[in-house]
Amino acid sequence: MTIADRKAPLKKSIWLLIVLNAVDGILTYLGLTRGLVTEANPLLASFTPFTILGIKLFLSLCLFGLLFTAFAEIRTSFWRYTLISANVLYTMIFALHLYWIPFLFI
């Protein structure tokens, strides 16, 4: 990673988080409605699958809004590492989804 890459704005990290969050919501909705998974997040577990999908898509929309604010131009390490951590977490969740996705087609 070059010095210029480390000083780049946060837009790529925000875009990745938007996509991973939306995909997580869609796949969770499919898994919950077909009875293949249960919601592991205790804050969301009491909601219906459609509500969870709505919350996830709304959060992705809010993240999309960040792209048009001064936040996306921040170049501090704190926010870069925070977004990288969130993206790593969502990538691991996506890997868990990859485990049960084939069961949708059985």
N, C-alpha and C. Protein backbone atom coordinates (compact mmCIF):
# COMPACT_ATOMS: atom_id res chain seq x y z
N MET A 1 0.85 -1.17 0.00
CA MET A 1 0.00 0.00 0.00
C MET A 1 0.90 1.24 0.00
N THR A 2 0.70 2.09 -0.93
CA THR A 2 1.52 3.29 -1.02
C THR A 2 1.02 4.35 -0.05
N ILE A 3 1.86 5.36 0.12
CA ILE A 3 1.48 6.45 1.02
C ILE A 3 0.23 7.15 0.48
N ALA A 4 0.14 7.31 -0.83
CA ALA A 4 -1.03 7.96 -1.42
C ALA A 4 -2.30 7.17 -1.13
N ASP A 5 -2.23 5.82 -1.14
CA ASP A 5 -3.40 5.00 -0.83
C ASP A 5 -3.85 5.19 0.61
N ARG A 6 -2.89 5.30 1.52
CA ARG A 6 -3.25 5.47 2.93
C ARG A 6 -3.85 6.84 3.20
N LYS A 7 -3.56 7.79 2.34
CA LYS A 7 -4.08 9.14 2.52
C LYS A 7 -5.34 9.38 1.68
N ALA A 8 -5.82 8.36 0.99
CA ALA A 8 -7.00 8.51 0.15
C ALA A 8 -8.25 8.67 1.02
N PRO A 9 -9.26 9.31 0.47
CA PRO A 9 -10.53 9.44 1.22
C PRO A 9 -11.15 8.07 1.51
N LEU A 10 -12.17 8.06 2.32
CA LEU A 10 -12.79 6.83 2.80
C LEU A 10 -13.84 6.25 1.86
N LYS A 11 -14.01 6.81 0.67
CA LYS A 11 -15.12 6.42 -0.19
C LYS A 11 -15.13 4.94 -0.53
N LYS A 12 -13.99 4.34 -0.83
CA LYS A 12 -13.97 2.92 -1.19
C LYS A 12 -14.41 2.05 -0.02
N SER A 13 -13.95 2.40 1.16
CA SER A 13 -14.33 1.63 2.35
C SER A 13 -15.82 1.78 2.64
N ILE A 14 -16.35 2.98 2.44
CA ILE A 14 -17.78 3.20 2.67
C ILE A 14 -18.60 2.42 1.65
N TRP A 15 -18.18 2.46 0.37
CA TRP A 15 -18.90 1.70 -0.66
C TRP A 15 -18.92 0.21 -0.34
N LEU A 16 -17.78 -0.34 0.08
CA LEU A 16 -17.73 -1.76 0.42
C LEU A 16 -18.66 -2.07 1.58
N LEU A 17 -18.70 -1.21 2.58
CA LEU A 17 -19.59 -1.41 3.72
C LEU A 17 -21.05 -1.34 3.30
N ILE A 18 -21.39 -0.44 2.39
CA ILE A 18 -22.76 -0.36 1.86
C ILE A 18 -23.17 -1.67 1.22
N VAL A 19 -22.30 -2.17 0.35
CA VAL A 19 -22.62 -3.41 -0.38
C VAL A 19 -22.70 -4.60 0.57
N LEU A 20 -21.72 -4.74 1.46
CA LEU A 20 -21.73 -5.88 2.38
C LEU A 20 -22.94 -5.84 3.31
N ASN A 21 -23.33 -4.67 3.79
CA ASN A 21 -24.48 -4.55 4.67
C ASN A 21 -25.77 -4.90 3.93
N ALA A 22 -25.92 -4.41 2.71
CA ALA A 22 -27.12 -4.71 1.93
C ALA A 22 -27.20 -6.19 1.59
N VAL A 23 -26.08 -6.78 1.18
CA VAL A 23 -26.06 -8.22 0.87
C VAL A 23 -26.37 -9.04 2.11
N ASP A 24 -25.83 -8.63 3.25
CA ASP A 24 -26.13 -9.32 4.51
C ASP A 24 -27.62 -9.28 4.80
N GLY A 25 -28.24 -8.13 4.60
CA GLY A 25 -29.68 -8.01 4.85
C GLY A 25 -30.49 -8.90 3.92
N ILE A 26 -30.15 -8.90 2.65
CA ILE A 26 -30.89 -9.71 1.67
C ILE A 26 -30.72 -11.20 1.96
N LEU A 27 -29.48 -11.61 2.20
CA LEU A 27 -29.25 -13.04 2.46
C LEU A 27 -29.85 -13.47 3.80
N THR A 28 -29.79 -12.62 4.79
CA THR A 28 -30.42 -12.94 6.07
C THR A 28 -31.93 -13.09 5.89
N TYR A 29 -32.52 -12.19 5.13
CA TYR A 29 -33.96 -12.28 4.86
C TYR A 29 -34.30 -13.61 4.19
N LEU A 30 -33.53 -14.00 3.18
CA LEU A 30 -33.79 -15.27 2.49
C LEU A 30 -33.62 -16.45 3.44
N GLY A 31 -32.57 -16.43 4.24
CA GLY A 31 -32.33 -17.53 5.18
C GLY A 31 -33.39 -17.62 6.26
N LEU A 32 -33.83 -16.48 6.77
CA LEU A 32 -34.85 -16.49 7.82
C LEU A 32 -36.21 -16.93 7.28
N THR A 33 -36.59 -16.45 6.10
CA THR A 33 -37.90 -16.80 5.57
C THR A 33 -37.98 -18.27 5.17
N ARG A 34 -36.84 -18.87 4.86
CA ARG A 34 -36.83 -20.29 4.48
C ARG A 34 -36.48 -21.19 5.67
N GLY A 35 -36.26 -20.60 6.83
CA GLY A 35 -35.99 -21.38 8.03
C GLY A 35 -34.61 -22.02 8.07
N LEU A 36 -33.67 -21.48 7.31
CA LEU A 36 -32.32 -22.06 7.27
C LEU A 36 -31.40 -21.49 8.33
N VAL A 37 -31.67 -20.28 8.79
CA VAL A 37 -30.81 -19.63 9.77
C VAL A 37 -31.67 -18.95 10.83
N THR A 38 -31.00 -18.54 11.88
CA THR A 38 -31.64 -17.69 12.88
C THR A 38 -30.80 -16.42 12.98
N GLU A 39 -31.42 -15.35 13.40
CA GLU A 39 -30.70 -14.07 13.53
C GLU A 39 -29.81 -14.14 14.75
N ALA A 40 -28.52 -13.95 14.56
CA ALA A 40 -27.56 -14.04 15.66
C ALA A 40 -27.42 -12.73 16.43
N ASN A 41 -27.83 -11.62 15.81
CA ASN A 41 -27.73 -10.33 16.47
C ASN A 41 -28.90 -10.19 17.46
N PRO A 42 -28.60 -10.12 18.77
CA PRO A 42 -29.68 -10.06 19.75
C PRO A 42 -30.55 -8.80 19.62
N LEU A 43 -30.00 -7.73 19.04
CA LEU A 43 -30.79 -6.52 18.85
C LEU A 43 -31.81 -6.68 17.74
N LEU A 44 -31.55 -7.55 16.77
CA LEU A 44 -32.45 -7.74 15.64
C LEU A 44 -33.29 -9.01 15.76
N ALA A 45 -32.94 -9.90 16.68
CA ALA A 45 -33.58 -11.22 16.76
C ALA A 45 -35.08 -11.16 16.99
N SER A 46 -35.57 -10.12 17.62
CA SER A 46 -37.00 -10.06 17.93
C SER A 46 -37.84 -9.51 16.77
N PHE A 47 -37.19 -9.05 15.71
CA PHE A 47 -37.91 -8.48 14.57
C PHE A 47 -38.25 -9.55 13.54
N THR A 48 -39.24 -9.24 12.70
CA THR A 48 -39.59 -10.13 11.59
C THR A 48 -38.51 -10.04 10.52
N PRO A 49 -38.40 -11.06 9.66
CA PRO A 49 -37.39 -11.01 8.59
C PRO A 49 -37.52 -9.77 7.70
N PHE A 50 -38.75 -9.37 7.39
CA PHE A 50 -38.94 -8.20 6.53
C PHE A 50 -38.47 -6.93 7.23
N THR A 51 -38.69 -6.83 8.53
CA THR A 51 -38.24 -5.67 9.29
C THR A 51 -36.71 -5.62 9.32
N ILE A 52 -36.09 -6.76 9.51
CA ILE A 52 -34.62 -6.83 9.51
C ILE A 52 -34.09 -6.37 8.16
N LEU A 53 -34.71 -6.84 7.08
CA LEU A 53 -34.30 -6.42 5.74
C LEU A 53 -34.46 -4.91 5.60
N GLY A 54 -35.57 -4.37 6.05
CA GLY A 54 -35.80 -2.93 5.98
C GLY A 54 -34.76 -2.14 6.76
N ILE A 55 -34.42 -2.61 7.95
CA ILE A 55 -33.42 -1.93 8.77
C ILE A 55 -32.07 -1.94 8.07
N LYS A 56 -31.69 -3.10 7.54
CA LYS A 56 -30.39 -3.23 6.85
C LYS A 56 -30.34 -2.33 5.62
N LEU A 57 -31.40 -2.31 4.83
CA LEU A 57 -31.40 -1.48 3.63
C LEU A 57 -31.42 0.00 3.99
N PHE A 58 -32.12 0.36 5.06
CA PHE A 58 -32.12 1.74 5.52
C PHE A 58 -30.73 2.17 5.98
N LEU A 59 -30.04 1.29 6.70
CA LEU A 59 -28.67 1.60 7.13
C LEU A 59 -27.74 1.74 5.94
N SER A 60 -27.92 0.90 4.93
CA SER A 60 -27.11 1.04 3.72
C SER A 60 -27.39 2.37 3.03
N LEU A 61 -28.64 2.79 3.03
CA LEU A 61 -29.00 4.08 2.45
C LEU A 61 -28.37 5.23 3.24
N CYS A 62 -28.35 5.11 4.56
CA CYS A 62 -27.69 6.13 5.38
C CYS A 62 -26.19 6.18 5.10
N LEU A 63 -25.57 5.01 4.96
CA LEU A 63 -24.15 4.97 4.60
C LEU A 63 -23.92 5.60 3.24
N PHE A 64 -24.84 5.35 2.30
CA PHE A 64 -24.74 5.96 0.98
C PHE A 64 -24.76 7.48 1.09
N GLY A 65 -25.57 7.99 1.98
CA GLY A 65 -25.63 9.43 2.20
C GLY A 65 -24.31 10.00 2.70
N LEU A 66 -23.53 9.20 3.43
CA LEU A 66 -22.22 9.66 3.91
C LEU A 66 -21.28 9.99 2.76
N LEU A 67 -21.48 9.34 1.63
CA LEU A 67 -20.60 9.57 0.48
C LEU A 67 -20.67 11.02 -0.01
N PHE A 68 -21.75 11.70 0.30
CA PHE A 68 -21.96 13.06 -0.18
C PHE A 68 -21.73 14.11 0.90
N THR A 69 -21.08 13.68 1.98
CA THR A 69 -20.76 14.61 3.06
C THR A 69 -19.25 14.76 3.17
N ALA A 70 -18.83 15.65 4.04
CA ALA A 70 -17.40 15.85 4.26
C ALA A 70 -16.76 14.64 4.92
N PHE A 71 -17.56 13.78 5.55
CA PHE A 71 -17.02 12.60 6.22
C PHE A 71 -16.25 11.71 5.25
N ALA A 72 -16.74 11.57 4.03
CA ALA A 72 -16.09 10.70 3.04
C ALA A 72 -14.72 11.21 2.64
N GLU A 73 -14.43 12.47 2.90
CA GLU A 73 -13.13 13.04 2.54
C GLU A 73 -12.13 13.02 3.70
N ILE A 74 -12.56 12.51 4.85
CA ILE A 74 -11.67 12.44 6.01
C ILE A 74 -10.51 11.50 5.68
N ARG A 75 -9.34 11.85 6.16
CA ARG A 75 -8.16 11.05 5.86
C ARG A 75 -7.45 10.58 7.13
N THR A 76 -8.16 10.51 8.24
CA THR A 76 -7.53 10.09 9.49
C THR A 76 -7.46 8.57 9.59
N SER A 77 -6.47 8.11 10.28
CA SER A 77 -6.28 6.67 10.46
C SER A 77 -7.40 6.06 11.29
N PHE A 78 -7.89 6.80 12.28
CA PHE A 78 -8.93 6.25 13.15
C PHE A 78 -10.14 5.79 12.34
N TRP A 79 -10.66 6.66 11.49
CA TRP A 79 -11.86 6.29 10.73
C TRP A 79 -11.53 5.25 9.67
N ARG A 80 -10.35 5.30 9.10
CA ARG A 80 -9.96 4.29 8.12
C ARG A 80 -9.95 2.90 8.76
N TYR A 81 -9.31 2.79 9.93
CA TYR A 81 -9.25 1.50 10.61
C TYR A 81 -10.60 1.05 11.14
N THR A 82 -11.43 2.00 11.54
CA THR A 82 -12.79 1.66 11.98
C THR A 82 -13.58 1.05 10.83
N LEU A 83 -13.51 1.68 9.66
CA LEU A 83 -14.23 1.14 8.50
C LEU A 83 -13.63 -0.19 8.03
N ILE A 84 -12.32 -0.31 8.09
CA ILE A 84 -11.69 -1.58 7.71
C ILE A 84 -12.15 -2.68 8.66
N SER A 85 -12.23 -2.39 9.95
CA SER A 85 -12.70 -3.38 10.93
C SER A 85 -14.14 -3.79 10.64
N ALA A 86 -14.99 -2.83 10.35
CA ALA A 86 -16.39 -3.14 10.02
C ALA A 86 -16.46 -3.98 8.74
N ASN A 87 -15.65 -3.67 7.76
CA ASN A 87 -15.65 -4.44 6.52
C ASN A 87 -15.14 -5.86 6.73
N VAL A 88 -14.14 -6.02 7.58
CA VAL A 88 -13.64 -7.37 7.89
C VAL A 88 -14.73 -8.17 8.59
N LEU A 89 -15.42 -7.55 9.54
CA LEU A 89 -16.52 -8.23 10.24
C LEU A 89 -17.61 -8.66 9.27
N TYR A 90 -18.04 -7.75 8.40
CA TYR A 90 -19.09 -8.08 7.43
C TYR A 90 -18.61 -9.11 6.41
N THR A 91 -17.33 -9.12 6.09
CA THR A 91 -16.80 -10.15 5.19
C THR A 91 -16.87 -11.51 5.85
N MET A 92 -16.58 -11.58 7.15
CA MET A 92 -16.70 -12.85 7.87
C MET A 92 -18.16 -13.30 7.93
N ILE A 93 -19.08 -12.36 8.13
CA ILE A 93 -20.51 -12.70 8.12
C ILE A 93 -20.92 -13.20 6.74
N PHE A 94 -20.40 -12.57 5.69
CA PHE A 94 -20.68 -13.02 4.34
C PHE A 94 -20.16 -14.44 4.13
N ALA A 95 -19.00 -14.76 4.69
CA ALA A 95 -18.46 -16.12 4.59
C ALA A 95 -19.40 -17.12 5.26
N LEU A 96 -20.01 -16.73 6.38
CA LEU A 96 -20.99 -17.61 7.03
C LEU A 96 -22.21 -17.81 6.13
N HIS A 97 -22.62 -16.75 5.45
CA HIS A 97 -23.73 -16.88 4.51
C HIS A 97 -23.38 -17.84 3.38
N LEU A 98 -22.15 -17.80 2.92
CA LEU A 98 -21.74 -18.69 1.83
C LEU A 98 -21.87 -20.16 2.22
N TYR A 99 -21.78 -20.44 3.52
CA TYR A 99 -21.92 -21.82 3.99
C TYR A 99 -23.33 -22.35 3.74
N TRP A 100 -24.36 -21.56 4.03
CA TRP A 100 -25.73 -22.08 3.95
C TRP A 100 -26.46 -21.70 2.66
N ILE A 101 -25.90 -20.83 1.85
CA ILE A 101 -26.57 -20.43 0.61
C ILE A 101 -26.92 -21.63 -0.29
N PRO A 102 -26.06 -22.63 -0.43
CA PRO A 102 -26.43 -23.78 -1.27
C PRO A 102 -27.71 -24.48 -0.83
N PHE A 103 -28.04 -24.39 0.45
CA PHE A 103 -29.25 -25.03 0.96
C PHE A 103 -30.53 -24.34 0.44
N LEU A 104 -30.41 -23.13 -0.07
CA LEU A 104 -31.57 -22.44 -0.66
C LEU A 104 -32.08 -23.19 -1.90
N PHE A 105 -31.18 -23.90 -2.55
CA PHE A 105 -31.52 -24.53 -3.82
C PHE A 105 -31.78 -26.02 -3.71
N ILE A 106 -31.84 -26.54 -2.51
CA ILE A 106 -32.11 -27.98 -2.32
C ILE A 106 -33.60 -28.18 -2.14
